[in-house]
Amino acid sequence: MKISIVTISYNQAPFLENAIRSVLNQSHGDIEYIVVDPGSTDGSRDIIARYADRISRIILEPDKGAADGL
């Protein structure tokens, strides 16, 4: 069974890498991992880029808040 996990982040660089690593270190074999960042300016996008090859989909589009991003 596929499990989809979405991380929504906006200027959360101090916490983002731990969140991403936590998801990527899961042992379940079929994870679809989506990261949404509507325009961070605190280095979050650099963190996301470091893990891009292990993230299923990255959405870097403006939104109207967390609920809209989700």
C-alpha atoms as a PDB file:
ATOM      1  CA  MET A   1       0.000   0.000   0.000  1.00  0.00           C
ATOM      2  CA  LYS A   2       1.349   3.421  -0.978  1.00  0.00           C
ATOM      3  CA  ILE A   3       1.525   6.066   1.731  1.00  0.00           C
ATOM      4  CA  SER A   4       1.600   9.752   0.778  1.00  0.00           C
ATOM      5  CA  ILE A   5       3.255  12.223   3.124  1.00  0.00           C
ATOM      6  CA  VAL A   6       3.141  15.982   2.583  1.00  0.00           C
ATOM      7  CA  THR A   7       5.405  18.482   4.314  1.00  0.00           C
ATOM      8  CA  ILE A   8       4.261  22.075   4.029  1.00  0.00           C
ATOM      9  CA  SER A   9       6.944  24.563   5.003  1.00  0.00           C
ATOM     10  CA  TYR A  10       7.320  28.326   4.888  1.00  0.00           C
ATOM     11  CA  ASN A  11      10.482  29.797   6.416  1.00  0.00           C
ATOM     12  CA  GLN A  12      10.970  26.795   8.700  1.00  0.00           C
ATOM     13  CA  ALA A  13      14.651  26.131   7.960  1.00  0.00           C
ATOM     14  CA  PRO A  14      15.562  25.379  11.613  1.00  0.00           C
ATOM     15  CA  PHE A  15      13.110  22.450  11.605  1.00  0.00           C
ATOM     16  CA  LEU A  16      12.821  21.444   7.966  1.00  0.00           C
ATOM     17  CA  GLU A  17      15.850  19.202   7.584  1.00  0.00           C
ATOM     18  CA  ASN A  18      14.864  17.102  10.597  1.00  0.00           C
ATOM     19  CA  ALA A  19      11.334  16.775   9.212  1.00  0.00           C
ATOM     20  CA  ILE A  20      12.574  15.701   5.784  1.00  0.00           C
ATOM     21  CA  ARG A  21      15.090  13.230   7.211  1.00  0.00           C
ATOM     22  CA  SER A  22      12.433  11.762   9.475  1.00  0.00           C
ATOM     23  CA  VAL A  23      10.234  10.966   6.495  1.00  0.00           C
ATOM     24  CA  LEU A  24      13.082   9.694   4.322  1.00  0.00           C
ATOM     25  CA  ASN A  25      14.294   7.371   7.076  1.00  0.00           C
ATOM     26  CA  GLN A  26      10.989   5.516   7.310  1.00  0.00           C
ATOM     27  CA  SER A  27      11.232   1.826   6.553  1.00  0.00           C
ATOM     28  CA  HIS A  28       7.938   1.523   4.669  1.00  0.00           C
ATOM     29  CA  GLY A  29       8.807   0.635   1.093  1.00  0.00           C
ATOM     30  CA  ASP A  30       6.224   2.605  -0.861  1.00  0.00           C
ATOM     31  CA  ILE A  31       6.196   6.242   0.263  1.00  0.00           C
ATOM     32  CA  GLU A  32       5.238   9.139  -1.960  1.00  0.00           C
ATOM     33  CA  TYR A  33       6.839  12.198  -0.385  1.00  0.00           C
ATOM     34  CA  ILE A  34       5.702  15.686  -1.389  1.00  0.00           C
ATOM     35  CA  VAL A  35       7.264  18.907  -0.104  1.00  0.00           C
ATOM     36  CA  VAL A  36       5.463  22.227  -0.567  1.00  0.00           C
ATOM     37  CA  ASP A  37       7.214  25.578  -0.118  1.00  0.00           C
ATOM     38  CA  PRO A  38       5.389  28.696  -1.283  1.00  0.00           C
ATOM     39  CA  GLY A  39       8.390  31.027  -1.214  1.00  0.00           C
ATOM     40  CA  SER A  40      10.695  30.692   1.769  1.00  0.00           C
ATOM     41  CA  THR A  41      13.605  33.100   2.002  1.00  0.00           C
ATOM     42  CA  ASP A  42      15.409  31.583   4.984  1.00  0.00           C
ATOM     43  CA  GLY A  43      17.412  28.826   3.285  1.00  0.00           C
ATOM     44  CA  SER A  44      14.583  26.281   3.297  1.00  0.00           C
ATOM     45  CA  ARG A  45      14.781  25.874  -0.451  1.00  0.00           C
ATOM     46  CA  ASP A  46      18.479  25.018  -0.233  1.00  0.00           C
ATOM     47  CA  ILE A  47      17.616  22.275   2.257  1.00  0.00           C
ATOM     48  CA  ILE A  48      14.884  20.944  -0.017  1.00  0.00           C
ATOM     49  CA  ALA A  49      17.297  20.953  -2.959  1.00  0.00           C
ATOM     50  CA  ARG A  50      19.782  18.796  -1.017  1.00  0.00           C
ATOM     51  CA  TYR A  51      17.161  16.042  -0.780  1.00  0.00           C
ATOM     52  CA  ALA A  52      15.457  16.591  -4.141  1.00  0.00           C
ATOM     53  CA  ASP A  53      16.578  13.257  -5.544  1.00  0.00           C
ATOM     54  CA  ARG A  54      14.738  11.439  -2.721  1.00  0.00           C
ATOM     55  CA  ILE A  55      11.543  13.541  -2.710  1.00  0.00           C
ATOM     56  CA  SER A  56       8.761  12.387  -5.039  1.00  0.00           C
ATOM     57  CA  ARG A  57       7.464  15.852  -5.822  1.00  0.00           C
ATOM     58  CA  ILE A  58       8.476  19.372  -4.857  1.00  0.00           C
ATOM     59  CA  ILE A  59       5.979  22.206  -5.256  1.00  0.00           C
ATOM     60  CA  LEU A  60       7.494  25.691  -5.140  1.00  0.00           C
ATOM     61  CA  GLU A  61       4.472  27.837  -5.916  1.00  0.00           C
ATOM     62  CA  PRO A  62       2.886  30.687  -3.969  1.00  0.00           C
ATOM     63  CA  ASP A  63      -0.224  29.786  -2.001  1.00  0.00           C
ATOM     64  CA  LYS A  64      -2.690  31.452   0.376  1.00  0.00           C
ATOM     65  CA  GLY A  65      -1.553  29.653   3.516  1.00  0.00           C
ATOM     66  CA  ALA A  66      -1.010  26.125   4.796  1.00  0.00           C
ATOM     67  CA  ALA A  67      -4.519  24.863   4.017  1.00  0.00           C
ATOM     68  CA  ASP A  68      -4.254  26.139   0.442  1.00  0.00           C
ATOM     69  CA  GLY A  69      -0.798  24.609   0.073  1.00  0.00           C
ATOM     70  CA  LEU A  70      -2.079  21.259   1.201  1.00  0.00           C
END
